[in-house]
Amino acid sequence: MLTKKQEYLENRIGRELEIARKNGTKNKRVALQALKRKKRLEKQLAQIDGTLSTIEFQREALENTTTNTEVLKSMGYAAKAMKAAHEHMDLDKIDEMMQNITEQQEVAQEISDAISCPAAFGSEFDEDELLAELEELEQEELSKKTTKALPKVPTTNLPSRQVCSAQVGVRFPVKTKKKTHDGDARIKHLTASV
């Protein structure tokens, strides 16, 4: 109802303002009467605006109160449910149960540590001996790799070839190198030093 009255007053204010404009230069008395009515209507409009603001504030306060009431009811239900759940619980029993759980966790940890500890196995081997053996194996592997990398020296005598001279038709024997034991000694020396 107040909103409809507000719209009505706004329309009336607009009409009175138009009357004042039309008669401003022609008929000052009619223009002044229209402005007076406009002022009264504006005063009524301001009162209605204030009333609407008050009503809106009260409506919001009422909505908040309703919400708060529902929240308090829910909190009351939750408190009752918690009380019922805790009714059969004894703090001493809970403390004792938590201590038992802690003790069992400690026992489980000790068992896990004992199982995972390799101290019982392989302790009869000396660490220095194992490292020395590993170094020997690495040296052998390195020697094998260097031997494979060196070119192979033939172990048999090479057959003699004869080269033909195209101009004379004479054959000259080609000298072959004989394998000496010095070459074998040098190869062994090189592989040992690597």
C-alpha atoms as a PDB file:
ATOM      1  CA  MET A   1       0.000   0.000   0.000  1.00  0.00           C
ATOM      2  CA  LEU A   2       2.787   2.425   0.907  1.00  0.00           C
ATOM      3  CA  THR A   3       4.607   1.629  -2.328  1.00  0.00           C
ATOM      4  CA  LYS A   4       1.481   2.463  -4.372  1.00  0.00           C
ATOM      5  CA  LYS A   5       1.002   5.700  -2.449  1.00  0.00           C
ATOM      6  CA  GLN A   6       4.670   6.534  -3.076  1.00  0.00           C
ATOM      7  CA  GLU A   7       4.197   6.092  -6.843  1.00  0.00           C
ATOM      8  CA  TYR A   8       1.022   8.230  -6.734  1.00  0.00           C
ATOM      9  CA  LEU A   9       2.816  11.063  -4.890  1.00  0.00           C
ATOM     10  CA  GLU A  10       5.744  10.973  -7.337  1.00  0.00           C
ATOM     11  CA  ASN A  11       3.311  11.371 -10.259  1.00  0.00           C
ATOM     12  CA  ARG A  12       1.488  14.246  -8.513  1.00  0.00           C
ATOM     13  CA  ILE A  13       4.802  16.013  -7.800  1.00  0.00           C
ATOM     14  CA  GLY A  14       5.686  15.720 -11.486  1.00  0.00           C
ATOM     15  CA  ARG A  15       2.312  17.240 -12.550  1.00  0.00           C
ATOM     16  CA  GLU A  16       2.575  20.124 -10.077  1.00  0.00           C
ATOM     17  CA  LEU A  17       6.082  20.867 -11.344  1.00  0.00           C
ATOM     18  CA  GLU A  18       4.774  20.980 -14.937  1.00  0.00           C
ATOM     19  CA  ILE A  19       1.975  23.366 -13.898  1.00  0.00           C
ATOM     20  CA  ALA A  20       4.526  25.633 -12.197  1.00  0.00           C
ATOM     21  CA  ARG A  21       6.700  25.667 -15.330  1.00  0.00           C
ATOM     22  CA  LYS A  22       3.823  26.441 -17.690  1.00  0.00           C
ATOM     23  CA  ASN A  23       2.498  29.266 -15.556  1.00  0.00           C
ATOM     24  CA  GLY A  24       5.834  30.646 -14.340  1.00  0.00           C
ATOM     25  CA  THR A  25       5.795  33.653 -16.652  1.00  0.00           C
ATOM     26  CA  LYS A  26       2.057  33.886 -17.423  1.00  0.00           C
ATOM     27  CA  ASN A  27       0.322  33.420 -14.090  1.00  0.00           C
ATOM     28  CA  LYS A  28       2.578  33.648 -11.044  1.00  0.00           C
ATOM     29  CA  ARG A  29      -0.173  32.941  -8.529  1.00  0.00           C
ATOM     30  CA  VAL A  30      -1.070  29.556 -10.142  1.00  0.00           C
ATOM     31  CA  ALA A  31       2.634  28.714 -10.410  1.00  0.00           C
ATOM     32  CA  LEU A  32       3.204  29.522  -6.699  1.00  0.00           C
ATOM     33  CA  GLN A  33       0.172  27.419  -5.662  1.00  0.00           C
ATOM     34  CA  ALA A  34       1.511  24.487  -7.716  1.00  0.00           C
ATOM     35  CA  LEU A  35       4.947  24.808  -6.053  1.00  0.00           C
ATOM     36  CA  LYS A  36       3.318  24.877  -2.579  1.00  0.00           C
ATOM     37  CA  ARG A  37       1.370  21.674  -3.370  1.00  0.00           C
ATOM     38  CA  LYS A  38       4.578  20.128  -4.712  1.00  0.00           C
ATOM     39  CA  LYS A  39       6.374  20.904  -1.410  1.00  0.00           C
ATOM     40  CA  ARG A  40       3.543  19.322   0.656  1.00  0.00           C
ATOM     41  CA  LEU A  41       3.567  16.245  -1.566  1.00  0.00           C
ATOM     42  CA  GLU A  42       7.366  15.978  -1.245  1.00  0.00           C
ATOM     43  CA  LYS A  43       7.016  16.125   2.555  1.00  0.00           C
ATOM     44  CA  GLN A  44       4.460  13.273   2.465  1.00  0.00           C
ATOM     45  CA  LEU A  45       6.748  11.328   0.128  1.00  0.00           C
ATOM     46  CA  ALA A  46       9.686  11.754   2.530  1.00  0.00           C
ATOM     47  CA  GLN A  47       7.526  10.453   5.400  1.00  0.00           C
ATOM     48  CA  ILE A  48       6.496   7.412   3.355  1.00  0.00           C
ATOM     49  CA  ASP A  49      10.154   6.763   2.433  1.00  0.00           C
ATOM     50  CA  GLY A  50      11.086   6.874   6.132  1.00  0.00           C
ATOM     51  CA  THR A  51       8.229   4.539   7.028  1.00  0.00           C
ATOM     52  CA  LEU A  52       9.247   2.072   4.301  1.00  0.00           C
ATOM     53  CA  SER A  53      12.842   2.138   5.538  1.00  0.00           C
ATOM     54  CA  THR A  54      11.700   1.420   9.098  1.00  0.00           C
ATOM     55  CA  ILE A  55       9.477  -1.435   7.946  1.00  0.00           C
ATOM     56  CA  GLU A  56      12.293  -2.909   5.866  1.00  0.00           C
ATOM     57  CA  PHE A  57      14.698  -2.704   8.826  1.00  0.00           C
ATOM     58  CA  GLN A  58      12.141  -4.454  11.071  1.00  0.00           C
ATOM     59  CA  ARG A  59      11.584  -7.152   8.456  1.00  0.00           C
ATOM     60  CA  GLU A  60      15.341  -7.818   8.265  1.00  0.00           C
ATOM     61  CA  ALA A  61      15.574  -7.924  12.076  1.00  0.00           C
ATOM     62  CA  LEU A  62      12.682 -10.398  12.156  1.00  0.00           C
ATOM     63  CA  GLU A  63      14.365 -12.592   9.531  1.00  0.00           C
ATOM     64  CA  ASN A  64      17.607 -12.525  11.550  1.00  0.00           C
ATOM     65  CA  THR A  65      15.691 -13.455  14.702  1.00  0.00           C
ATOM     66  CA  THR A  66      14.065 -16.387  12.916  1.00  0.00           C
ATOM     67  CA  THR A  67      17.439 -17.541  11.641  1.00  0.00           C
ATOM     68  CA  ASN A  68      18.988 -17.215  15.101  1.00  0.00           C
ATOM     69  CA  THR A  69      16.101 -19.204  16.595  1.00  0.00           C
ATOM     70  CA  GLU A  70      16.666 -22.042  14.117  1.00  0.00           C
ATOM     71  CA  VAL A  71      20.415 -21.987  14.788  1.00  0.00           C
ATOM     72  CA  LEU A  72      19.829 -22.173  18.542  1.00  0.00           C
ATOM     73  CA  LYS A  73      17.424 -25.089  18.088  1.00  0.00           C
ATOM     74  CA  SER A  74      20.008 -26.939  15.999  1.00  0.00           C
ATOM     75  CA  MET A  75      22.702 -26.241  18.580  1.00  0.00           C
ATOM     76  CA  GLY A  76      20.392 -27.562  21.310  1.00  0.00           C
ATOM     77  CA  TYR A  77      19.786 -30.776  19.351  1.00  0.00           C
ATOM     78  CA  ALA A  78      23.525 -31.166  18.806  1.00  0.00           C
ATOM     79  CA  ALA A  79      24.244 -30.633  22.518  1.00  0.00           C
ATOM     80  CA  LYS A  80      21.655 -33.282  23.470  1.00  0.00           C
ATOM     81  CA  ALA A  81      23.102 -35.739  20.934  1.00  0.00           C
ATOM     82  CA  MET A  82      26.637 -35.175  22.211  1.00  0.00           C
ATOM     83  CA  LYS A  83      25.491 -35.623  25.803  1.00  0.00           C
ATOM     84  CA  ALA A  84      23.793 -38.897  24.890  1.00  0.00           C
ATOM     85  CA  ALA A  85      26.907 -40.097  23.055  1.00  0.00           C
ATOM     86  CA  HIS A  86      29.205 -39.212  25.951  1.00  0.00           C
ATOM     87  CA  GLU A  87      26.863 -40.542  28.625  1.00  0.00           C
ATOM     88  CA  HIS A  88      28.387 -44.035  28.547  1.00  0.00           C
ATOM     89  CA  MET A  89      31.993 -42.866  28.227  1.00  0.00           C
ATOM     90  CA  ASP A  90      34.334 -42.747  31.195  1.00  0.00           C
ATOM     91  CA  LEU A  91      37.377 -40.472  30.948  1.00  0.00           C
ATOM     92  CA  ASP A  92      39.503 -42.884  32.995  1.00  0.00           C
ATOM     93  CA  LYS A  93      38.668 -45.752  30.625  1.00  0.00           C
ATOM     94  CA  ILE A  94      39.466 -43.575  27.614  1.00  0.00           C
ATOM     95  CA  ASP A  95      42.818 -42.571  29.122  1.00  0.00           C
ATOM     96  CA  GLU A  96      43.652 -46.208  29.863  1.00  0.00           C
ATOM     97  CA  MET A  97      42.674 -47.242  26.318  1.00  0.00           C
ATOM     98  CA  MET A  98      44.873 -44.511  24.800  1.00  0.00           C
ATOM     99  CA  GLN A  99      47.830 -45.690  26.930  1.00  0.00           C
ATOM    100  CA  ASN A 100      47.270 -49.276  25.733  1.00  0.00           C
ATOM    101  CA  ILE A 101      47.195 -48.107  22.122  1.00  0.00           C
ATOM    102  CA  THR A 102      50.432 -46.159  22.622  1.00  0.00           C
ATOM    103  CA  GLU A 103      52.141 -49.175  24.205  1.00  0.00           C
ATOM    104  CA  GLN A 104      51.040 -51.479  21.386  1.00  0.00           C
ATOM    105  CA  GLN A 105      52.293 -49.014  18.792  1.00  0.00           C
ATOM    106  CA  GLU A 106      55.691 -48.938  20.533  1.00  0.00           C
ATOM    107  CA  VAL A 107      55.820 -52.769  20.588  1.00  0.00           C
ATOM    108  CA  ALA A 108      54.918 -52.876  16.888  1.00  0.00           C
ATOM    109  CA  GLN A 109      57.682 -50.370  16.115  1.00  0.00           C
ATOM    110  CA  GLU A 110      60.234 -52.414  18.058  1.00  0.00           C
ATOM    111  CA  ILE A 111      59.211 -55.565  16.173  1.00  0.00           C
ATOM    112  CA  SER A 112      59.460 -53.735  12.856  1.00  0.00           C
ATOM    113  CA  ASP A 113      62.907 -52.397  13.742  1.00  0.00           C
ATOM    114  CA  ALA A 114      64.104 -55.868  14.785  1.00  0.00           C
ATOM    115  CA  ILE A 115      62.856 -57.465  11.568  1.00  0.00           C
ATOM    116  CA  SER A 116      64.329 -54.822   9.288  1.00  0.00           C
ATOM    117  CA  CYS A 117      67.755 -54.692  10.990  1.00  0.00           C
ATOM    118  CA  PRO A 118      70.365 -56.543   8.869  1.00  0.00           C
ATOM    119  CA  ALA A 119      72.797 -56.747  11.806  1.00  0.00           C
ATOM    120  CA  ALA A 120      72.276 -60.495  12.293  1.00  0.00           C
ATOM    121  CA  PHE A 121      73.040 -61.343   8.663  1.00  0.00           C
ATOM    122  CA  GLY A 122      76.336 -60.758   6.901  1.00  0.00           C
ATOM    123  CA  SER A 123      78.193 -59.433   9.931  1.00  0.00           C
ATOM    124  CA  GLU A 124      80.853 -62.174   9.692  1.00  0.00           C
ATOM    125  CA  PHE A 125      82.442 -60.484   6.620  1.00  0.00           C
ATOM    126  CA  ASP A 126      85.156 -57.912   7.035  1.00  0.00           C
ATOM    127  CA  GLU A 127      84.377 -54.682   5.191  1.00  0.00           C
ATOM    128  CA  ASP A 128      88.050 -54.083   4.238  1.00  0.00           C
ATOM    129  CA  GLU A 129      88.388 -57.562   2.721  1.00  0.00           C
ATOM    130  CA  LEU A 130      85.259 -57.042   0.649  1.00  0.00           C
ATOM    131  CA  LEU A 131      86.530 -53.687  -0.628  1.00  0.00           C
ATOM    132  CA  ALA A 132      89.900 -55.223  -1.589  1.00  0.00           C
ATOM    133  CA  GLU A 133      88.170 -58.051  -3.480  1.00  0.00           C
ATOM    134  CA  LEU A 134      85.957 -55.547  -5.277  1.00  0.00           C
ATOM    135  CA  GLU A 135      89.026 -53.559  -6.328  1.00  0.00           C
ATOM    136  CA  GLU A 136      90.651 -56.724  -7.741  1.00  0.00           C
ATOM    137  CA  LEU A 137      87.509 -57.484  -9.751  1.00  0.00           C
ATOM    138  CA  GLU A 138      87.481 -53.948 -11.123  1.00  0.00           C
ATOM    139  CA  GLN A 139      91.146 -54.292 -12.172  1.00  0.00           C
ATOM    140  CA  GLU A 140      90.427 -57.576 -13.982  1.00  0.00           C
ATOM    141  CA  GLU A 141      87.478 -56.017 -15.804  1.00  0.00           C
ATOM    142  CA  LEU A 142      89.617 -53.033 -16.815  1.00  0.00           C
ATOM    143  CA  SER A 143      92.383 -55.346 -18.110  1.00  0.00           C
ATOM    144  CA  LYS A 144      89.838 -57.243 -20.224  1.00  0.00           C
ATOM    145  CA  LYS A 145      88.535 -54.043 -21.740  1.00  0.00           C
ATOM    146  CA  THR A 146      92.018 -52.781 -22.647  1.00  0.00           C
ATOM    147  CA  THR A 147      92.983 -56.125 -24.165  1.00  0.00           C
ATOM    148  CA  LYS A 148      89.898 -56.024 -26.362  1.00  0.00           C
ATOM    149  CA  ALA A 149      90.718 -52.493 -27.459  1.00  0.00           C
ATOM    150  CA  LEU A 150      94.272 -53.378 -28.656  1.00  0.00           C
ATOM    151  CA  PRO A 151      94.667 -54.758 -32.192  1.00  0.00           C
ATOM    152  CA  LYS A 152      95.264 -58.494 -32.517  1.00  0.00           C
ATOM    153  CA  VAL A 153      98.778 -59.568 -33.419  1.00  0.00           C
ATOM    154  CA  PRO A 154      98.946 -62.534 -35.792  1.00  0.00           C
ATOM    155  CA  THR A 155     100.418 -65.639 -34.189  1.00  0.00           C
ATOM    156  CA  THR A 156     101.204 -67.572 -37.393  1.00  0.00           C
ATOM    157  CA  ASN A 157     103.888 -66.872 -39.974  1.00  0.00           C
ATOM    158  CA  LEU A 158     102.681 -64.977 -42.959  1.00  0.00           C
ATOM    159  CA  PRO A 159     103.088 -66.737 -46.349  1.00  0.00           C
ATOM    160  CA  SER A 160     105.751 -65.270 -48.619  1.00  0.00           C
ATOM    161  CA  ARG A 161     104.557 -63.466 -51.709  1.00  0.00           C
ATOM    162  CA  GLN A 162     106.354 -62.775 -54.849  1.00  0.00           C
ATOM    163  CA  VAL A 163     105.881 -59.503 -56.624  1.00  0.00           C
ATOM    164  CA  CYS A 164     106.155 -59.359 -60.378  1.00  0.00           C
ATOM    165  CA  SER A 165     107.984 -56.588 -62.026  1.00  0.00           C
ATOM    166  CA  ALA A 166     106.004 -55.468 -65.031  1.00  0.00           C
ATOM    167  CA  GLN A 167     109.015 -54.216 -66.950  1.00  0.00           C
ATOM    168  CA  VAL A 168     111.536 -56.975 -66.501  1.00  0.00           C
ATOM    169  CA  GLY A 169     109.409 -59.944 -65.661  1.00  0.00           C
ATOM    170  CA  VAL A 170     111.585 -60.753 -62.663  1.00  0.00           C
ATOM    171  CA  ARG A 171     110.101 -61.868 -59.404  1.00  0.00           C
ATOM    172  CA  PHE A 172     111.432 -60.455 -56.144  1.00  0.00           C
ATOM    173  CA  PRO A 173     110.660 -62.134 -52.861  1.00  0.00           C
ATOM    174  CA  VAL A 174     108.931 -59.979 -50.274  1.00  0.00           C
ATOM    175  CA  LYS A 175     110.413 -60.249 -46.821  1.00  0.00           C
ATOM    176  CA  THR A 176     108.068 -61.163 -44.007  1.00  0.00           C
ATOM    177  CA  LYS A 177     108.531 -60.144 -40.445  1.00  0.00           C
ATOM    178  CA  LYS A 178     108.884 -62.876 -37.954  1.00  0.00           C
ATOM    179  CA  LYS A 179     107.059 -62.570 -34.727  1.00  0.00           C
ATOM    180  CA  THR A 180     109.363 -62.072 -31.833  1.00  0.00           C
ATOM    181  CA  HIS A 181     108.866 -62.760 -28.262  1.00  0.00           C
ATOM    182  CA  ASP A 182     109.649 -59.094 -27.554  1.00  0.00           C
ATOM    183  CA  GLY A 183     106.252 -58.071 -29.006  1.00  0.00           C
ATOM    184  CA  ASP A 184     104.410 -60.415 -26.633  1.00  0.00           C
ATOM    185  CA  ALA A 185     106.314 -59.028 -23.679  1.00  0.00           C
ATOM    186  CA  ARG A 186     105.427 -55.460 -24.686  1.00  0.00           C
ATOM    187  CA  ILE A 187     101.713 -56.280 -24.954  1.00  0.00           C
ATOM    188  CA  LYS A 188     101.703 -57.917 -21.527  1.00  0.00           C
ATOM    189  CA  HIS A 189     103.535 -54.921 -20.116  1.00  0.00           C
ATOM    190  CA  LEU A 190     100.971 -52.494 -21.597  1.00  0.00           C
ATOM    191  CA  THR A 191      97.957 -54.411 -20.304  1.00  0.00           C
ATOM    192  CA  ALA A 192      99.450 -54.745 -16.847  1.00  0.00           C
ATOM    193  CA  SER A 193     100.194 -51.037 -16.584  1.00  0.00           C
ATOM    194  CA  VAL A 194      96.654 -50.036 -17.501  1.00  0.00           C
END
